[in-house]
Amino acid sequence: MTLLAWLLLATASIVLLALLMVAAGVFTWVERRVLGFLQERLGPNRVGPFGFLQWVADTVKLITKEDAAPAGADRAAYILAPAFAAIPMLTGFGVVAFGEGWAVADLDMGVVFVMGMLALTVYALVLGAWASRNRYAMLGGLRAAAQMLAYESFLGLSLMGVVLMAGSFRMSDIVAAQDGLWFILLQPLGAALFFTAGIAAAHRLPFDLQESENDIVAGFMTEYSGMSFALFFLGEYIAVMLVAALGTTLFLGGWYGPLLPGPIWFGLKVGLICLAFIWIRAALPRPRYDQLIGFAWKVALPLALLNLLVTGWIVVGRAG
């Protein structure tokens, strides 16, 4: 690559990171406003019009708040864990195609790369829990590891039907294969399983047993404060947007849509999926932990294998 190409790539990456940071902050405001409406309360309404600047005030508060490791903690691991929660999620957006030619890196194995970034979050949770030297945090870390193992088992399988039909792991190729017919119409079971596993991968209600305040205080984040706490939350909100972006690419036709430019359609679809995440948080309670794990192994995994088997038969039959 030439020097100019490297400069353009670096500039695109910096702009994307800045936009994602702002989008995550705005997302926190949207979530709190929507939750307030759904739960018949006000939500943020003091700082700025309709409380829009509340996320800015919270950011300033977290930046200026003391961030001290507890006594007995493994300080190096304690500091690194929050960064490991946010960096893979931000990196995953590097291969997302927001429009035709609108990707920082259009990798041949883009889907696999994003899945790998999503899977790395559990290491941050377990590392932070272990480094805190707190029994509640450790319980949260163990829950996170078991949950990720269970739901990763069918998260990848749920989207393999799409990969088989598109014949590629490249994001842009998968979107191009949906020109005229979205894969959600051809893979409804795969889409349902993917978004269910995506909620668990993003550690969102009702699948947030690893930080359940009802029984383990705040789980793996119990001993965190200040910007370390904020980085864990940043990783969670970016993970929600990454799952939404991946779902849009795989099942909702990516940037395809009438009249409006492709990147706008992509953003609207991602926004609708994020709103669905908020609605699910407001509507559904947490299940028991054994129910959560049992559903993954006993229900979702067999359904994902069945969906992949049927899709394989159809693809092979058409090729023959």
C-alpha atoms as a PDB file:
ATOM      1  CA  MET A   1       0.000   0.000   0.000  1.00  0.00           C
ATOM      2  CA  THR A   2       1.148   3.537  -0.739  1.00  0.00           C
ATOM      3  CA  LEU A   3       1.598   6.197   1.918  1.00  0.00           C
ATOM      4  CA  LEU A   4      -1.546   7.956   0.720  1.00  0.00           C
ATOM      5  CA  ALA A   5      -3.558   4.752   1.054  1.00  0.00           C
ATOM      6  CA  TRP A   6      -2.287   4.273   4.599  1.00  0.00           C
ATOM      7  CA  LEU A   7      -3.203   7.870   5.494  1.00  0.00           C
ATOM      8  CA  LEU A   8      -6.706   7.446   4.073  1.00  0.00           C
ATOM      9  CA  LEU A   9      -7.142   4.189   5.996  1.00  0.00           C
ATOM     10  CA  ALA A  10      -5.955   5.794   9.241  1.00  0.00           C
ATOM     11  CA  THR A  11      -8.251   8.792   8.727  1.00  0.00           C
ATOM     12  CA  ALA A  12     -11.251   6.558   8.027  1.00  0.00           C
ATOM     13  CA  SER A  13     -10.501   4.522  11.146  1.00  0.00           C
ATOM     14  CA  ILE A  14     -10.233   7.610  13.365  1.00  0.00           C
ATOM     15  CA  VAL A  15     -13.468   9.072  11.992  1.00  0.00           C
ATOM     16  CA  LEU A  16     -15.261   5.747  12.502  1.00  0.00           C
ATOM     17  CA  LEU A  17     -14.016   5.464  16.097  1.00  0.00           C
ATOM     18  CA  ALA A  18     -15.146   9.016  16.870  1.00  0.00           C
ATOM     19  CA  LEU A  19     -18.590   8.400  15.373  1.00  0.00           C
ATOM     20  CA  LEU A  20     -18.970   5.165  17.332  1.00  0.00           C
ATOM     21  CA  MET A  21     -18.066   6.901  20.597  1.00  0.00           C
ATOM     22  CA  VAL A  22     -20.676   9.593  19.994  1.00  0.00           C
ATOM     23  CA  ALA A  23     -23.240   7.023  18.849  1.00  0.00           C
ATOM     24  CA  ALA A  24     -22.722   4.989  22.030  1.00  0.00           C
ATOM     25  CA  GLY A  25     -23.271   8.102  24.147  1.00  0.00           C
ATOM     26  CA  VAL A  26     -26.437   9.042  22.261  1.00  0.00           C
ATOM     27  CA  PHE A  27     -27.613   5.436  22.531  1.00  0.00           C
ATOM     28  CA  THR A  28     -27.487   5.653  26.341  1.00  0.00           C
ATOM     29  CA  TRP A  29     -29.760   8.724  26.179  1.00  0.00           C
ATOM     30  CA  VAL A  30     -32.161   7.060  23.741  1.00  0.00           C
ATOM     31  CA  GLU A  31     -32.336   3.961  25.924  1.00  0.00           C
ATOM     32  CA  ARG A  32     -33.118   5.923  29.059  1.00  0.00           C
ATOM     33  CA  ARG A  33     -35.768   8.007  27.300  1.00  0.00           C
ATOM     34  CA  VAL A  34     -37.427   4.950  25.741  1.00  0.00           C
ATOM     35  CA  LEU A  35     -37.301   3.020  29.013  1.00  0.00           C
ATOM     36  CA  GLY A  36     -38.857   5.999  30.760  1.00  0.00           C
ATOM     37  CA  PHE A  37     -41.702   6.052  28.210  1.00  0.00           C
ATOM     38  CA  LEU A  38     -42.278   2.290  28.386  1.00  0.00           C
ATOM     39  CA  GLN A  39     -42.231   2.290  32.193  1.00  0.00           C
ATOM     40  CA  GLU A  40     -44.382   5.444  32.495  1.00  0.00           C
ATOM     41  CA  ARG A  41     -41.719   7.667  34.070  1.00  0.00           C
ATOM     42  CA  LEU A  42     -39.873  10.751  32.893  1.00  0.00           C
ATOM     43  CA  GLY A  43     -36.342   9.592  32.184  1.00  0.00           C
ATOM     44  CA  PRO A  44     -33.577  12.215  31.674  1.00  0.00           C
ATOM     45  CA  ASN A  45     -35.178  15.632  31.155  1.00  0.00           C
ATOM     46  CA  ARG A  46     -33.004  18.272  32.840  1.00  0.00           C
ATOM     47  CA  VAL A  47     -29.640  18.587  31.058  1.00  0.00           C
ATOM     48  CA  GLY A  48     -30.263  20.045  27.605  1.00  0.00           C
ATOM     49  CA  PRO A  49     -33.450  19.782  25.539  1.00  0.00           C
ATOM     50  CA  PHE A  50     -35.314  16.579  26.460  1.00  0.00           C
ATOM     51  CA  GLY A  51     -32.292  15.679  28.590  1.00  0.00           C
ATOM     52  CA  PHE A  52     -30.204  15.096  25.448  1.00  0.00           C
ATOM     53  CA  LEU A  53     -26.957  16.283  27.063  1.00  0.00           C
ATOM     54  CA  GLN A  54     -27.304  13.876  29.995  1.00  0.00           C
ATOM     55  CA  TRP A  55     -24.825  11.492  28.348  1.00  0.00           C
ATOM     56  CA  VAL A  56     -22.301  14.328  28.106  1.00  0.00           C
ATOM     57  CA  ALA A  57     -22.751  15.124  31.814  1.00  0.00           C
ATOM     58  CA  ASP A  58     -22.353  11.444  32.693  1.00  0.00           C
ATOM     59  CA  THR A  59     -19.165  11.237  30.619  1.00  0.00           C
ATOM     60  CA  VAL A  60     -17.669  14.241  32.409  1.00  0.00           C
ATOM     61  CA  LYS A  61     -18.634  12.757  35.773  1.00  0.00           C
ATOM     62  CA  LEU A  62     -17.005   9.414  34.971  1.00  0.00           C
ATOM     63  CA  ILE A  63     -13.826  11.043  33.645  1.00  0.00           C
ATOM     64  CA  THR A  64     -13.402  13.097  36.829  1.00  0.00           C
ATOM     65  CA  LYS A  65     -14.409  10.327  39.237  1.00  0.00           C
ATOM     66  CA  GLU A  66     -11.730   8.524  41.229  1.00  0.00           C
ATOM     67  CA  ASP A  67     -10.722   5.218  39.654  1.00  0.00           C
ATOM     68  CA  ALA A  68      -8.889   3.181  42.277  1.00  0.00           C
ATOM     69  CA  ALA A  69      -8.173  -0.542  42.372  1.00  0.00           C
ATOM     70  CA  PRO A  70      -9.373  -2.351  45.511  1.00  0.00           C
ATOM     71  CA  ALA A  71      -6.893  -3.655  48.039  1.00  0.00           C
ATOM     72  CA  GLY A  72      -5.468  -7.016  47.019  1.00  0.00           C
ATOM     73  CA  ALA A  73      -6.417  -6.698  43.362  1.00  0.00           C
ATOM     74  CA  ASP A  74      -4.090  -7.694  40.544  1.00  0.00           C
ATOM     75  CA  ARG A  75      -3.546  -4.114  39.407  1.00  0.00           C
ATOM     76  CA  ALA A  76      -2.241  -4.799  35.888  1.00  0.00           C
ATOM     77  CA  ALA A  77      -5.096  -7.167  34.997  1.00  0.00           C
ATOM     78  CA  TYR A  78      -7.602  -4.895  36.751  1.00  0.00           C
ATOM     79  CA  ILE A  79      -6.596  -1.975  34.518  1.00  0.00           C
ATOM     80  CA  LEU A  80      -6.401  -3.980  31.274  1.00  0.00           C
ATOM     81  CA  ALA A  81      -9.776  -5.748  31.571  1.00  0.00           C
ATOM     82  CA  PRO A  82     -11.995  -2.709  30.760  1.00  0.00           C
ATOM     83  CA  ALA A  83      -9.888  -1.937  27.672  1.00  0.00           C
ATOM     84  CA  PHE A  84     -10.310  -5.539  26.493  1.00  0.00           C
ATOM     85  CA  ALA A  85     -14.094  -5.061  26.820  1.00  0.00           C
ATOM     86  CA  ALA A  86     -14.217  -2.023  24.520  1.00  0.00           C
ATOM     87  CA  ILE A  87     -11.381  -2.434  21.984  1.00  0.00           C
ATOM     88  CA  PRO A  88     -12.586  -5.671  20.280  1.00  0.00           C
ATOM     89  CA  MET A  89     -16.081  -4.193  19.818  1.00  0.00           C
ATOM     90  CA  LEU A  90     -14.676  -1.063  18.197  1.00  0.00           C
ATOM     91  CA  THR A  91     -12.357  -3.183  16.051  1.00  0.00           C
ATOM     92  CA  GLY A  92     -15.242  -5.314  14.824  1.00  0.00           C
ATOM     93  CA  PHE A  93     -16.777  -2.332  13.048  1.00  0.00           C
ATOM     94  CA  GLY A  94     -13.699  -2.122  10.835  1.00  0.00           C
ATOM     95  CA  VAL A  95     -15.106  -4.790   8.491  1.00  0.00           C
ATOM     96  CA  VAL A  96     -18.756  -3.689   8.544  1.00  0.00           C
ATOM     97  CA  ALA A  97     -19.962  -2.419   5.149  1.00  0.00           C
ATOM     98  CA  PHE A  98     -22.197   0.609   5.793  1.00  0.00           C
ATOM     99  CA  GLY A  99     -22.812   1.067   2.062  1.00  0.00           C
ATOM    100  CA  GLU A 100     -21.401  -0.022  -1.257  1.00  0.00           C
ATOM    101  CA  GLY A 101     -17.681   0.613  -0.846  1.00  0.00           C
ATOM    102  CA  TRP A 102     -18.238   2.049   2.671  1.00  0.00           C
ATOM    103  CA  ALA A 103     -16.028  -0.262   4.728  1.00  0.00           C
ATOM    104  CA  VAL A 104     -12.642   0.366   6.310  1.00  0.00           C
ATOM    105  CA  ALA A 105     -11.555  -3.180   5.389  1.00  0.00           C
ATOM    106  CA  ASP A 106     -13.756  -5.462   3.270  1.00  0.00           C
ATOM    107  CA  LEU A 107     -12.186  -8.746   4.388  1.00  0.00           C
ATOM    108  CA  ASP A 108     -12.838 -12.105   2.732  1.00  0.00           C
ATOM    109  CA  MET A 109     -13.601 -13.544   6.190  1.00  0.00           C
ATOM    110  CA  GLY A 110     -15.438 -10.513   7.541  1.00  0.00           C
ATOM    111  CA  VAL A 111     -18.196 -12.486   9.280  1.00  0.00           C
ATOM    112  CA  VAL A 112     -15.663 -14.711  11.041  1.00  0.00           C
ATOM    113  CA  PHE A 113     -13.693 -11.626  12.134  1.00  0.00           C
ATOM    114  CA  VAL A 114     -16.759  -9.988  13.704  1.00  0.00           C
ATOM    115  CA  MET A 115     -17.703 -13.228  15.448  1.00  0.00           C
ATOM    116  CA  GLY A 116     -14.203 -13.439  16.862  1.00  0.00           C
ATOM    117  CA  MET A 117     -14.400  -9.890  18.201  1.00  0.00           C
ATOM    118  CA  LEU A 118     -17.745 -10.617  19.871  1.00  0.00           C
ATOM    119  CA  ALA A 119     -16.310 -13.755  21.477  1.00  0.00           C
ATOM    120  CA  LEU A 120     -13.380 -11.828  22.998  1.00  0.00           C
ATOM    121  CA  THR A 121     -15.626  -9.866  25.357  1.00  0.00           C
ATOM    122  CA  VAL A 122     -15.924 -12.788  27.752  1.00  0.00           C
ATOM    123  CA  TYR A 123     -12.169 -12.673  28.385  1.00  0.00           C
ATOM    124  CA  ALA A 124     -12.482  -9.086  29.576  1.00  0.00           C
ATOM    125  CA  LEU A 125     -15.301 -10.027  31.944  1.00  0.00           C
ATOM    126  CA  VAL A 126     -13.486 -13.020  33.401  1.00  0.00           C
ATOM    127  CA  LEU A 127     -10.206 -11.100  33.667  1.00  0.00           C
ATOM    128  CA  GLY A 128     -11.870  -8.168  35.436  1.00  0.00           C
ATOM    129  CA  ALA A 129     -13.698 -10.502  37.806  1.00  0.00           C
ATOM    130  CA  TRP A 130     -10.552 -12.454  38.677  1.00  0.00           C
ATOM    131  CA  ALA A 131      -8.411  -9.332  39.060  1.00  0.00           C
ATOM    132  CA  SER A 132     -10.909  -7.708  41.463  1.00  0.00           C
ATOM    133  CA  ARG A 133     -10.415 -10.413  44.137  1.00  0.00           C
ATOM    134  CA  ASN A 134     -14.105 -10.118  45.023  1.00  0.00           C
ATOM    135  CA  ARG A 135     -16.343 -13.169  45.413  1.00  0.00           C
ATOM    136  CA  TYR A 136     -19.366 -11.452  43.852  1.00  0.00           C
ATOM    137  CA  ALA A 137     -17.251 -10.384  40.890  1.00  0.00           C
ATOM    138  CA  MET A 138     -15.892 -13.913  40.568  1.00  0.00           C
ATOM    139  CA  LEU A 139     -19.410 -15.361  40.497  1.00  0.00           C
ATOM    140  CA  GLY A 140     -20.260 -12.908  37.717  1.00  0.00           C
ATOM    141  CA  GLY A 141     -17.158 -13.883  35.757  1.00  0.00           C
ATOM    142  CA  LEU A 142     -17.959 -17.594  36.034  1.00  0.00           C
ATOM    143  CA  ARG A 143     -21.498 -16.937  34.875  1.00  0.00           C
ATOM    144  CA  ALA A 144     -20.194 -14.922  31.927  1.00  0.00           C
ATOM    145  CA  ALA A 145     -17.867 -17.741  30.864  1.00  0.00           C
ATOM    146  CA  ALA A 146     -20.574 -20.418  31.074  1.00  0.00           C
ATOM    147  CA  GLN A 147     -23.106 -18.223  29.274  1.00  0.00           C
ATOM    148  CA  MET A 148     -20.755 -17.320  26.451  1.00  0.00           C
ATOM    149  CA  LEU A 149     -19.787 -20.965  25.957  1.00  0.00           C
ATOM    150  CA  ALA A 150     -23.459 -21.954  25.763  1.00  0.00           C
ATOM    151  CA  TYR A 151     -24.615 -19.211  23.423  1.00  0.00           C
ATOM    152  CA  GLU A 152     -21.544 -19.162  21.200  1.00  0.00           C
ATOM    153  CA  SER A 153     -22.369 -22.808  20.471  1.00  0.00           C
ATOM    154  CA  PHE A 154     -25.307 -21.763  18.285  1.00  0.00           C
ATOM    155  CA  LEU A 155     -24.503 -18.128  17.498  1.00  0.00           C
ATOM    156  CA  GLY A 156     -22.159 -19.136  14.689  1.00  0.00           C
ATOM    157  CA  LEU A 157     -24.406 -21.961  13.495  1.00  0.00           C
ATOM    158  CA  SER A 158     -27.400 -19.622  13.265  1.00  0.00           C
ATOM    159  CA  LEU A 159     -25.754 -17.538  10.549  1.00  0.00           C
ATOM    160  CA  MET A 160     -24.148 -20.375   8.599  1.00  0.00           C
ATOM    161  CA  GLY A 161     -27.370 -20.763   6.609  1.00  0.00           C
ATOM    162  CA  VAL A 162     -26.888 -17.226   5.301  1.00  0.00           C
ATOM    163  CA  VAL A 163     -23.247 -17.962   4.464  1.00  0.00           C
ATOM    164  CA  LEU A 164     -24.278 -21.095   2.558  1.00  0.00           C
ATOM    165  CA  MET A 165     -26.892 -19.188   0.542  1.00  0.00           C
ATOM    166  CA  ALA A 166     -24.567 -16.259  -0.215  1.00  0.00           C
ATOM    167  CA  GLY A 167     -21.538 -18.482  -0.842  1.00  0.00           C
ATOM    168  CA  SER A 168     -19.208 -16.064   0.934  1.00  0.00           C
ATOM    169  CA  PHE A 169     -18.054 -14.779   4.334  1.00  0.00           C
ATOM    170  CA  ARG A 170     -17.454 -11.290   2.898  1.00  0.00           C
ATOM    171  CA  MET A 171     -19.926  -8.695   4.186  1.00  0.00           C
ATOM    172  CA  SER A 172     -20.409  -6.955   0.852  1.00  0.00           C
ATOM    173  CA  ASP A 173     -21.025 -10.267  -0.944  1.00  0.00           C
ATOM    174  CA  ILE A 174     -23.708 -11.258   1.566  1.00  0.00           C
ATOM    175  CA  VAL A 175     -25.476  -7.922   1.107  1.00  0.00           C
ATOM    176  CA  ALA A 176     -25.235  -8.218  -2.697  1.00  0.00           C
ATOM    177  CA  ALA A 177     -26.852 -11.680  -2.506  1.00  0.00           C
ATOM    178  CA  GLN A 178     -29.923 -10.043  -0.910  1.00  0.00           C
ATOM    179  CA  ASP A 179     -30.640  -7.696  -3.797  1.00  0.00           C
ATOM    180  CA  GLY A 180     -34.381  -8.179  -4.243  1.00  0.00           C
ATOM    181  CA  LEU A 181     -35.008 -10.603  -1.344  1.00  0.00           C
ATOM    182  CA  TRP A 182     -33.706 -10.301   2.212  1.00  0.00           C
ATOM    183  CA  PHE A 183     -32.394 -13.394   3.929  1.00  0.00           C
ATOM    184  CA  ILE A 184     -34.704 -12.895   6.927  1.00  0.00           C
ATOM    185  CA  LEU A 185     -37.508 -14.163   4.656  1.00  0.00           C
ATOM    186  CA  LEU A 186     -35.479 -17.227   3.678  1.00  0.00           C
ATOM    187  CA  GLN A 187     -33.879 -17.814   7.095  1.00  0.00           C
ATOM    188  CA  PRO A 188     -36.480 -16.783   9.727  1.00  0.00           C
ATOM    189  CA  LEU A 189     -35.372 -19.435  12.223  1.00  0.00           C
ATOM    190  CA  GLY A 190     -31.703 -18.525  11.748  1.00  0.00           C
ATOM    191  CA  ALA A 191     -32.524 -14.847  12.266  1.00  0.00           C
ATOM    192  CA  ALA A 192     -34.474 -15.557  15.472  1.00  0.00           C
ATOM    193  CA  LEU A 193     -31.646 -17.687  16.866  1.00  0.00           C
ATOM    194  CA  PHE A 194     -29.009 -15.141  15.843  1.00  0.00           C
ATOM    195  CA  PHE A 195     -30.702 -12.219  17.576  1.00  0.00           C
ATOM    196  CA  THR A 196     -31.374 -14.335  20.685  1.00  0.00           C
ATOM    197  CA  ALA A 197     -27.706 -15.276  20.888  1.00  0.00           C
ATOM    198  CA  GLY A 198     -26.763 -11.678  20.050  1.00  0.00           C
ATOM    199  CA  ILE A 199     -28.551 -10.437  23.176  1.00  0.00           C
ATOM    200  CA  ALA A 200     -26.490 -12.873  25.229  1.00  0.00           C
ATOM    201  CA  ALA A 201     -23.255 -11.938  23.420  1.00  0.00           C
ATOM    202  CA  ALA A 202     -23.892  -8.259  24.226  1.00  0.00           C
ATOM    203  CA  HIS A 203     -24.715  -9.140  27.880  1.00  0.00           C
ATOM    204  CA  ARG A 204     -28.101  -7.434  27.749  1.00  0.00           C
ATOM    205  CA  LEU A 205     -31.295  -8.087  29.677  1.00  0.00           C
ATOM    206  CA  PRO A 206     -32.769 -10.630  30.057  1.00  0.00           C
ATOM    207  CA  PHE A 207     -29.420 -12.401  29.530  1.00  0.00           C
ATOM    208  CA  ASP A 208     -27.279 -10.298  31.894  1.00  0.00           C
ATOM    209  CA  LEU A 209     -27.023 -12.772  34.761  1.00  0.00           C
ATOM    210  CA  GLN A 210     -23.281 -12.074  34.987  1.00  0.00           C
ATOM    211  CA  GLU A 211     -24.038  -8.622  36.454  1.00  0.00           C
ATOM    212  CA  SER A 212     -27.395  -9.292  38.112  1.00  0.00           C
ATOM    213  CA  GLU A 213     -27.727  -6.675  40.858  1.00  0.00           C
ATOM    214  CA  ASN A 214     -30.451  -8.709  42.574  1.00  0.00           C
ATOM    215  CA  ASP A 215     -28.072 -11.381  43.826  1.00  0.00           C
ATOM    216  CA  ILE A 216     -24.410 -10.539  43.027  1.00  0.00           C
ATOM    217  CA  VAL A 217     -24.336  -6.718  43.470  1.00  0.00           C
ATOM    218  CA  ALA A 218     -22.959  -5.814  40.009  1.00  0.00           C
ATOM    219  CA  GLY A 219     -21.174  -9.048  39.172  1.00  0.00           C
ATOM    220  CA  PHE A 220     -17.850  -8.646  37.413  1.00  0.00           C
ATOM    221  CA  MET A 221     -18.114  -4.819  37.640  1.00  0.00           C
ATOM    222  CA  THR A 222     -18.637  -4.709  41.418  1.00  0.00           C
ATOM    223  CA  GLU A 223     -15.205  -3.230  42.170  1.00  0.00           C
ATOM    224  CA  TYR A 224     -15.001  -0.882  39.179  1.00  0.00           C
ATOM    225  CA  SER A 225     -15.639   2.864  39.096  1.00  0.00           C
ATOM    226  CA  GLY A 226     -14.794   5.926  37.043  1.00  0.00           C
ATOM    227  CA  MET A 227     -13.547   5.425  33.484  1.00  0.00           C
ATOM    228  CA  SER A 228     -12.881   1.716  34.051  1.00  0.00           C
ATOM    229  CA  PHE A 229     -16.586   1.276  34.763  1.00  0.00           C
ATOM    230  CA  ALA A 230     -17.385   3.464  31.739  1.00  0.00           C
ATOM    231  CA  LEU A 231     -15.244   1.318  29.422  1.00  0.00           C
ATOM    232  CA  PHE A 232     -17.212  -1.797  30.379  1.00  0.00           C
ATOM    233  CA  PHE A 233     -20.423   0.039  29.579  1.00  0.00           C
ATOM    234  CA  LEU A 234     -18.966   1.417  26.353  1.00  0.00           C
ATOM    235  CA  GLY A 235     -18.099  -2.133  25.320  1.00  0.00           C
ATOM    236  CA  GLU A 236     -21.658  -3.264  26.056  1.00  0.00           C
ATOM    237  CA  TYR A 237     -23.326  -0.521  24.012  1.00  0.00           C
ATOM    238  CA  ILE A 238     -20.892  -0.908  21.126  1.00  0.00           C
ATOM    239  CA  ALA A 239     -21.561  -4.664  21.248  1.00  0.00           C
ATOM    240  CA  VAL A 240     -25.302  -4.007  20.875  1.00  0.00           C
ATOM    241  CA  MET A 241     -24.638  -1.834  17.830  1.00  0.00           C
ATOM    242  CA  LEU A 242     -22.205  -4.411  16.403  1.00  0.00           C
ATOM    243  CA  VAL A 243     -24.788  -7.195  16.753  1.00  0.00           C
ATOM    244  CA  ALA A 244     -27.373  -4.903  15.139  1.00  0.00           C
ATOM    245  CA  ALA A 245     -24.971  -4.081  12.279  1.00  0.00           C
ATOM    246  CA  LEU A 246     -24.177  -7.764  11.745  1.00  0.00           C
ATOM    247  CA  GLY A 247     -27.873  -8.651  11.813  1.00  0.00           C
ATOM    248  CA  THR A 248     -28.635  -5.899   9.314  1.00  0.00           C
ATOM    249  CA  THR A 249     -25.917  -7.192   6.999  1.00  0.00           C
ATOM    250  CA  LEU A 250     -26.875 -10.846   7.261  1.00  0.00           C
ATOM    251  CA  PHE A 251     -30.668 -10.742   7.345  1.00  0.00           C
ATOM    252  CA  LEU A 252     -32.043  -7.282   6.488  1.00  0.00           C
ATOM    253  CA  GLY A 253     -30.407  -6.523   3.167  1.00  0.00           C
ATOM    254  CA  GLY A 254     -27.641  -4.269   4.490  1.00  0.00           C
ATOM    255  CA  TRP A 255     -27.768  -0.908   2.754  1.00  0.00           C
ATOM    256  CA  TYR A 256     -30.499  -1.855   0.254  1.00  0.00           C
ATOM    257  CA  GLY A 257     -33.648   0.269   0.311  1.00  0.00           C
ATOM    258  CA  PRO A 258     -35.652   2.635  -1.904  1.00  0.00           C
ATOM    259  CA  LEU A 259     -35.046   6.370  -2.453  1.00  0.00           C
ATOM    260  CA  LEU A 260     -32.581   7.074   0.367  1.00  0.00           C
ATOM    261  CA  PRO A 261     -28.794   6.571   0.127  1.00  0.00           C
ATOM    262  CA  GLY A 262     -27.502   3.177   1.227  1.00  0.00           C
ATOM    263  CA  PRO A 263     -25.673   4.283   4.425  1.00  0.00           C
ATOM    264  CA  ILE A 264     -28.862   5.987   5.663  1.00  0.00           C
ATOM    265  CA  TRP A 265     -30.869   2.798   5.149  1.00  0.00           C
ATOM    266  CA  PHE A 266     -28.168   0.848   6.960  1.00  0.00           C
ATOM    267  CA  GLY A 267     -28.280   3.251   9.899  1.00  0.00           C
ATOM    268  CA  LEU A 268     -32.087   3.141  10.084  1.00  0.00           C
ATOM    269  CA  LYS A 269     -32.115  -0.653  10.181  1.00  0.00           C
ATOM    270  CA  VAL A 270     -29.419  -0.742  12.866  1.00  0.00           C
ATOM    271  CA  GLY A 271     -31.383   1.828  14.876  1.00  0.00           C
ATOM    272  CA  LEU A 272     -34.573  -0.254  14.708  1.00  0.00           C
ATOM    273  CA  ILE A 273     -32.739  -3.337  15.965  1.00  0.00           C
ATOM    274  CA  CYS A 274     -31.235  -1.307  18.827  1.00  0.00           C
ATOM    275  CA  LEU A 275     -34.738  -0.093  19.746  1.00  0.00           C
ATOM    276  CA  ALA A 276     -35.864  -3.721  19.784  1.00  0.00           C
ATOM    277  CA  PHE A 277     -33.044  -4.477  22.261  1.00  0.00           C
ATOM    278  CA  ILE A 278     -34.361  -1.683  24.504  1.00  0.00           C
ATOM    279  CA  TRP A 279     -37.950  -2.922  24.238  1.00  0.00           C
ATOM    280  CA  ILE A 280     -36.859  -6.459  25.188  1.00  0.00           C
ATOM    281  CA  ARG A 281     -35.012  -5.056  28.209  1.00  0.00           C
ATOM    282  CA  ALA A 282     -38.157  -3.266  29.354  1.00  0.00           C
ATOM    283  CA  ALA A 283     -40.548  -6.133  28.667  1.00  0.00           C
ATOM    284  CA  LEU A 284     -38.830  -9.353  29.763  1.00  0.00           C
ATOM    285  CA  PRO A 285     -37.571 -10.383  33.230  1.00  0.00           C
ATOM    286  CA  ARG A 286     -34.371 -12.319  33.848  1.00  0.00           C
ATOM    287  CA  PRO A 287     -34.770 -16.110  33.750  1.00  0.00           C
ATOM    288  CA  ARG A 288     -33.152 -18.375  36.301  1.00  0.00           C
ATOM    289  CA  TYR A 289     -29.575 -19.182  35.403  1.00  0.00           C
ATOM    290  CA  ASP A 290     -30.281 -22.880  34.872  1.00  0.00           C
ATOM    291  CA  GLN A 291     -33.145 -21.954  32.511  1.00  0.00           C
ATOM    292  CA  LEU A 292     -30.833 -19.635  30.582  1.00  0.00           C
ATOM    293  CA  ILE A 293     -28.152 -22.281  30.057  1.00  0.00           C
ATOM    294  CA  GLY A 294     -30.655 -25.076  29.493  1.00  0.00           C
ATOM    295  CA  PHE A 295     -32.380 -23.144  26.714  1.00  0.00           C
ATOM    296  CA  ALA A 296     -29.079 -22.717  24.880  1.00  0.00           C
ATOM    297  CA  TRP A 297     -28.034 -26.377  24.980  1.00  0.00           C
ATOM    298  CA  LYS A 298     -31.403 -28.141  24.836  1.00  0.00           C
ATOM    299  CA  VAL A 299     -33.450 -25.897  22.529  1.00  0.00           C
ATOM    300  CA  ALA A 300     -31.398 -23.356  20.560  1.00  0.00           C
ATOM    301  CA  LEU A 301     -28.451 -25.588  19.596  1.00  0.00           C
ATOM    302  CA  PRO A 302     -30.633 -28.411  18.145  1.00  0.00           C
ATOM    303  CA  LEU A 303     -32.720 -25.842  16.247  1.00  0.00           C
ATOM    304  CA  ALA A 304     -29.580 -24.215  14.822  1.00  0.00           C
ATOM    305  CA  LEU A 305     -28.262 -27.603  13.659  1.00  0.00           C
ATOM    306  CA  LEU A 306     -31.649 -28.427  12.105  1.00  0.00           C
ATOM    307  CA  ASN A 307     -31.745 -25.074  10.303  1.00  0.00           C
ATOM    308  CA  LEU A 308     -28.224 -25.619   8.947  1.00  0.00           C
ATOM    309  CA  LEU A 309     -29.077 -29.150   7.821  1.00  0.00           C
ATOM    310  CA  VAL A 310     -32.233 -28.082   5.960  1.00  0.00           C
ATOM    311  CA  THR A 311     -30.453 -25.129   4.371  1.00  0.00           C
ATOM    312  CA  GLY A 312     -27.634 -27.397   3.225  1.00  0.00           C
ATOM    313  CA  TRP A 313     -30.124 -29.755   1.597  1.00  0.00           C
ATOM    314  CA  ILE A 314     -31.798 -26.861  -0.226  1.00  0.00           C
ATOM    315  CA  VAL A 315     -28.511 -25.337  -1.447  1.00  0.00           C
ATOM    316  CA  VAL A 316     -27.159 -28.700  -2.634  1.00  0.00           C
ATOM    317  CA  GLY A 317     -30.487 -29.526  -4.289  1.00  0.00           C
ATOM    318  CA  ARG A 318     -30.511 -26.271  -6.227  1.00  0.00           C
ATOM    319  CA  ALA A 319     -26.884 -26.752  -7.288  1.00  0.00           C
ATOM    320  CA  GLY A 320     -27.663 -30.257  -8.519  1.00  0.00           C
END
